[in-house]
Amino acid sequence: MSGPEVAKTPGGSSGPGKDGKEPVANGHGESEPNPFAEYMWMENEEEYNRQVEEELLEQEFLERCFQEMLDEEDQDWFIPARDLPSGVGQIQQQLNGLSVNDCNTEDIVRKSSLNPEAKEFVPGVKY
């Protein structure tokens, strides 16, 4: 379509519209808003639904991966209450109850035969 066919309007006139502008394909002027603008999203409804579904599936996949990672991490950690037999737990409680008595520290230092001026011990080094 070119020339006079394009210029023809539904009303039968062959010139531009009343305000001097050519009508667009839907019969409305360029300055007039599209009456179907609020429904244009429906044009690609299937594509939009597919995209949203993909995003939801991806989010669900990431959540499952993250939960599996946390579960693996929990299995790798050593938790005495869970991983040790019951008898070992009693020994551990006894060890936690032990303490060093600091009241005789000065006595021990006076009776010690260690040299406080001695060099620090380093394994593998001969003096």
C-alpha atoms as a PDB file:
ATOM      1  CA  MET A   1       0.000   0.000   0.000  1.00  0.00           C
ATOM      2  CA  SER A   2       1.383   3.316  -1.028  1.00  0.00           C
ATOM      3  CA  GLY A   3       0.228   6.625  -2.369  1.00  0.00           C
ATOM      4  CA  PRO A   4      -3.529   7.275  -2.339  1.00  0.00           C
ATOM      5  CA  GLU A   5      -4.436   3.950  -0.671  1.00  0.00           C
ATOM      6  CA  VAL A   6      -2.580   4.909   2.506  1.00  0.00           C
ATOM      7  CA  ALA A   7      -4.169   8.358   2.680  1.00  0.00           C
ATOM      8  CA  LYS A   8      -7.735   7.060   2.490  1.00  0.00           C
ATOM      9  CA  THR A   9      -9.598   7.179   5.783  1.00  0.00           C
ATOM     10  CA  PRO A  10     -12.624   5.135   6.829  1.00  0.00           C
ATOM     11  CA  GLY A  11     -14.855   8.182   6.308  1.00  0.00           C
ATOM     12  CA  GLY A  12     -14.000   8.345   2.621  1.00  0.00           C
ATOM     13  CA  SER A  13     -11.876  11.518   2.684  1.00  0.00           C
ATOM     14  CA  SER A  14      -8.450  11.261   1.132  1.00  0.00           C
ATOM     15  CA  GLY A  15      -6.665  13.947   3.148  1.00  0.00           C
ATOM     16  CA  PRO A  16      -5.259  14.118   6.676  1.00  0.00           C
ATOM     17  CA  GLY A  17      -7.540  13.981   9.721  1.00  0.00           C
ATOM     18  CA  LYS A  18      -9.498  16.917  11.122  1.00  0.00           C
ATOM     19  CA  ASP A  19      -6.593  18.246  13.181  1.00  0.00           C
ATOM     20  CA  GLY A  20      -4.073  17.853  10.357  1.00  0.00           C
ATOM     21  CA  LYS A  21      -2.598  14.569  11.654  1.00  0.00           C
ATOM     22  CA  GLU A  22      -2.830  11.228   9.931  1.00  0.00           C
ATOM     23  CA  PRO A  23      -4.839   8.584  11.789  1.00  0.00           C
ATOM     24  CA  VAL A  24      -2.932   5.540  13.045  1.00  0.00           C
ATOM     25  CA  ALA A  25      -3.869   1.930  12.294  1.00  0.00           C
ATOM     26  CA  ASN A  26      -6.436   1.611  15.118  1.00  0.00           C
ATOM     27  CA  GLY A  27      -8.376   4.689  13.967  1.00  0.00           C
ATOM     28  CA  HIS A  28      -7.126   6.919  16.803  1.00  0.00           C
ATOM     29  CA  GLY A  29      -4.797   9.870  16.424  1.00  0.00           C
ATOM     30  CA  GLU A  30      -1.189   9.636  17.618  1.00  0.00           C
ATOM     31  CA  SER A  31      -1.841  11.967  20.545  1.00  0.00           C
ATOM     32  CA  GLU A  32      -4.801   9.908  21.779  1.00  0.00           C
ATOM     33  CA  PRO A  33      -3.932   7.137  24.247  1.00  0.00           C
ATOM     34  CA  ASN A  34      -4.434   3.573  23.134  1.00  0.00           C
ATOM     35  CA  PRO A  35      -7.752   2.396  24.616  1.00  0.00           C
ATOM     36  CA  PHE A  36      -6.341  -1.125  24.938  1.00  0.00           C
ATOM     37  CA  ALA A  37      -3.116  -0.093  26.698  1.00  0.00           C
ATOM     38  CA  GLU A  38      -4.166  -1.620  30.010  1.00  0.00           C
ATOM     39  CA  TYR A  39      -4.753  -4.976  28.264  1.00  0.00           C
ATOM     40  CA  MET A  40      -1.480  -5.069  26.302  1.00  0.00           C
ATOM     41  CA  TRP A  41       0.140  -7.313  28.927  1.00  0.00           C
ATOM     42  CA  MET A  42      -2.229 -10.070  27.799  1.00  0.00           C
ATOM     43  CA  GLU A  43      -0.537 -10.127  24.423  1.00  0.00           C
ATOM     44  CA  ASN A  44       2.404 -12.053  25.895  1.00  0.00           C
ATOM     45  CA  GLU A  45       0.544 -13.737  28.742  1.00  0.00           C
ATOM     46  CA  GLU A  46       1.914 -17.238  28.004  1.00  0.00           C
ATOM     47  CA  GLU A  47       5.488 -15.942  27.860  1.00  0.00           C
ATOM     48  CA  TYR A  48       5.000 -14.004  31.094  1.00  0.00           C
ATOM     49  CA  ASN A  49       3.515 -17.064  32.839  1.00  0.00           C
ATOM     50  CA  ARG A  50       6.380 -19.246  31.596  1.00  0.00           C
ATOM     51  CA  GLN A  51       8.943 -16.728  32.837  1.00  0.00           C
ATOM     52  CA  VAL A  52       7.311 -16.463  36.286  1.00  0.00           C
ATOM     53  CA  GLU A  53       7.100 -20.254  36.524  1.00  0.00           C
ATOM     54  CA  GLU A  54      10.801 -20.573  35.636  1.00  0.00           C
ATOM     55  CA  GLU A  55      11.697 -18.011  38.310  1.00  0.00           C
ATOM     56  CA  LEU A  56       9.641 -19.881  40.911  1.00  0.00           C
ATOM     57  CA  LEU A  57      11.228 -23.215  39.961  1.00  0.00           C
ATOM     58  CA  GLU A  58      14.697 -21.661  40.120  1.00  0.00           C
ATOM     59  CA  GLN A  59      13.956 -20.179  43.555  1.00  0.00           C
ATOM     60  CA  GLU A  60      12.667 -23.545  44.801  1.00  0.00           C
ATOM     61  CA  PHE A  61      15.772 -25.284  43.410  1.00  0.00           C
ATOM     62  CA  LEU A  62      18.073 -22.801  45.158  1.00  0.00           C
ATOM     63  CA  GLU A  63      16.229 -23.268  48.458  1.00  0.00           C
ATOM     64  CA  ARG A  64      16.552 -27.066  48.173  1.00  0.00           C
ATOM     65  CA  CYS A  65      20.278 -26.780  47.379  1.00  0.00           C
ATOM     66  CA  PHE A  66      20.811 -24.441  50.299  1.00  0.00           C
ATOM     67  CA  GLN A  67      18.949 -26.805  52.663  1.00  0.00           C
ATOM     68  CA  GLU A  68      21.015 -29.774  51.419  1.00  0.00           C
ATOM     69  CA  MET A  69      24.187 -27.770  51.989  1.00  0.00           C
ATOM     70  CA  LEU A  70      23.100 -26.974  55.564  1.00  0.00           C
ATOM     71  CA  ASP A  71      22.241 -30.635  56.180  1.00  0.00           C
ATOM     72  CA  GLU A  72      25.656 -31.758  54.897  1.00  0.00           C
ATOM     73  CA  GLU A  73      27.346 -29.148  57.072  1.00  0.00           C
ATOM     74  CA  ASP A  74      25.453 -30.398  60.135  1.00  0.00           C
ATOM     75  CA  GLN A  75      26.604 -33.954  59.405  1.00  0.00           C
ATOM     76  CA  ASP A  76      30.234 -32.852  59.075  1.00  0.00           C
ATOM     77  CA  TRP A  77      30.326 -31.018  62.393  1.00  0.00           C
ATOM     78  CA  PHE A  78      31.361 -32.931  65.486  1.00  0.00           C
ATOM     79  CA  ILE A  79      28.698 -32.632  68.152  1.00  0.00           C
ATOM     80  CA  PRO A  80      29.736 -34.590  71.270  1.00  0.00           C
ATOM     81  CA  ALA A  81      26.207 -35.129  72.573  1.00  0.00           C
ATOM     82  CA  ARG A  82      25.205 -36.660  69.253  1.00  0.00           C
ATOM     83  CA  ASP A  83      28.419 -38.280  68.016  1.00  0.00           C
ATOM     84  CA  LEU A  84      29.968 -39.781  71.174  1.00  0.00           C
ATOM     85  CA  PRO A  85      28.703 -42.922  72.937  1.00  0.00           C
ATOM     86  CA  SER A  86      26.936 -42.374  76.271  1.00  0.00           C
ATOM     87  CA  GLY A  87      29.896 -43.590  78.414  1.00  0.00           C
ATOM     88  CA  VAL A  88      32.185 -40.967  76.910  1.00  0.00           C
ATOM     89  CA  GLY A  89      29.708 -38.264  77.915  1.00  0.00           C
ATOM     90  CA  GLN A  90      30.152 -39.235  81.593  1.00  0.00           C
ATOM     91  CA  ILE A  91      33.929 -39.023  81.274  1.00  0.00           C
ATOM     92  CA  GLN A  92      33.603 -35.649  79.617  1.00  0.00           C
ATOM     93  CA  GLN A  93      31.457 -34.401  82.500  1.00  0.00           C
ATOM     94  CA  GLN A  94      34.077 -35.602  84.981  1.00  0.00           C
ATOM     95  CA  LEU A  95      36.828 -33.834  83.031  1.00  0.00           C
ATOM     96  CA  ASN A  96      34.796 -30.628  82.990  1.00  0.00           C
ATOM     97  CA  GLY A  97      34.515 -30.853  86.777  1.00  0.00           C
ATOM     98  CA  LEU A  98      38.295 -30.951  87.271  1.00  0.00           C
ATOM     99  CA  SER A  99      40.122 -27.760  88.084  1.00  0.00           C
ATOM    100  CA  VAL A 100      43.621 -26.673  89.012  1.00  0.00           C
ATOM    101  CA  ASN A 101      44.053 -25.568  92.585  1.00  0.00           C
ATOM    102  CA  ASP A 102      45.902 -22.225  92.607  1.00  0.00           C
ATOM    103  CA  CYS A 103      46.347 -21.947  96.379  1.00  0.00           C
ATOM    104  CA  ASN A 104      49.772 -23.679  96.487  1.00  0.00           C
ATOM    105  CA  THR A 105      51.296 -21.975  93.447  1.00  0.00           C
ATOM    106  CA  GLU A 106      53.900 -20.074  95.469  1.00  0.00           C
ATOM    107  CA  ASP A 107      54.928 -23.253  97.309  1.00  0.00           C
ATOM    108  CA  ILE A 108      55.397 -25.102  94.034  1.00  0.00           C
ATOM    109  CA  VAL A 109      57.489 -22.282  92.571  1.00  0.00           C
ATOM    110  CA  ARG A 110      59.778 -22.162  95.631  1.00  0.00           C
ATOM    111  CA  LYS A 111      60.386 -25.900  95.618  1.00  0.00           C
ATOM    112  CA  SER A 112      60.868 -26.094  91.829  1.00  0.00           C
ATOM    113  CA  SER A 113      64.260 -27.084  90.455  1.00  0.00           C
ATOM    114  CA  LEU A 114      63.592 -25.457  87.077  1.00  0.00           C
ATOM    115  CA  ASN A 115      65.808 -22.580  85.953  1.00  0.00           C
ATOM    116  CA  PRO A 116      63.700 -19.501  85.162  1.00  0.00           C
ATOM    117  CA  GLU A 117      66.670 -18.049  83.220  1.00  0.00           C
ATOM    118  CA  ALA A 118      66.962 -21.049  80.894  1.00  0.00           C
ATOM    119  CA  LYS A 119      66.572 -20.691  77.115  1.00  0.00           C
ATOM    120  CA  GLU A 120      63.259 -21.632  75.595  1.00  0.00           C
ATOM    121  CA  PHE A 121      63.064 -25.221  74.353  1.00  0.00           C
ATOM    122  CA  VAL A 122      62.810 -25.560  70.598  1.00  0.00           C
ATOM    123  CA  PRO A 123      62.447 -29.101  69.230  1.00  0.00           C
ATOM    124  CA  GLY A 124      65.208 -30.156  66.817  1.00  0.00           C
ATOM    125  CA  VAL A 125      67.653 -27.425  67.939  1.00  0.00           C
ATOM    126  CA  LYS A 126      70.799 -28.478  69.847  1.00  0.00           C
ATOM    127  CA  TYR A 127      72.396 -26.072  72.330  1.00  0.00           C
END
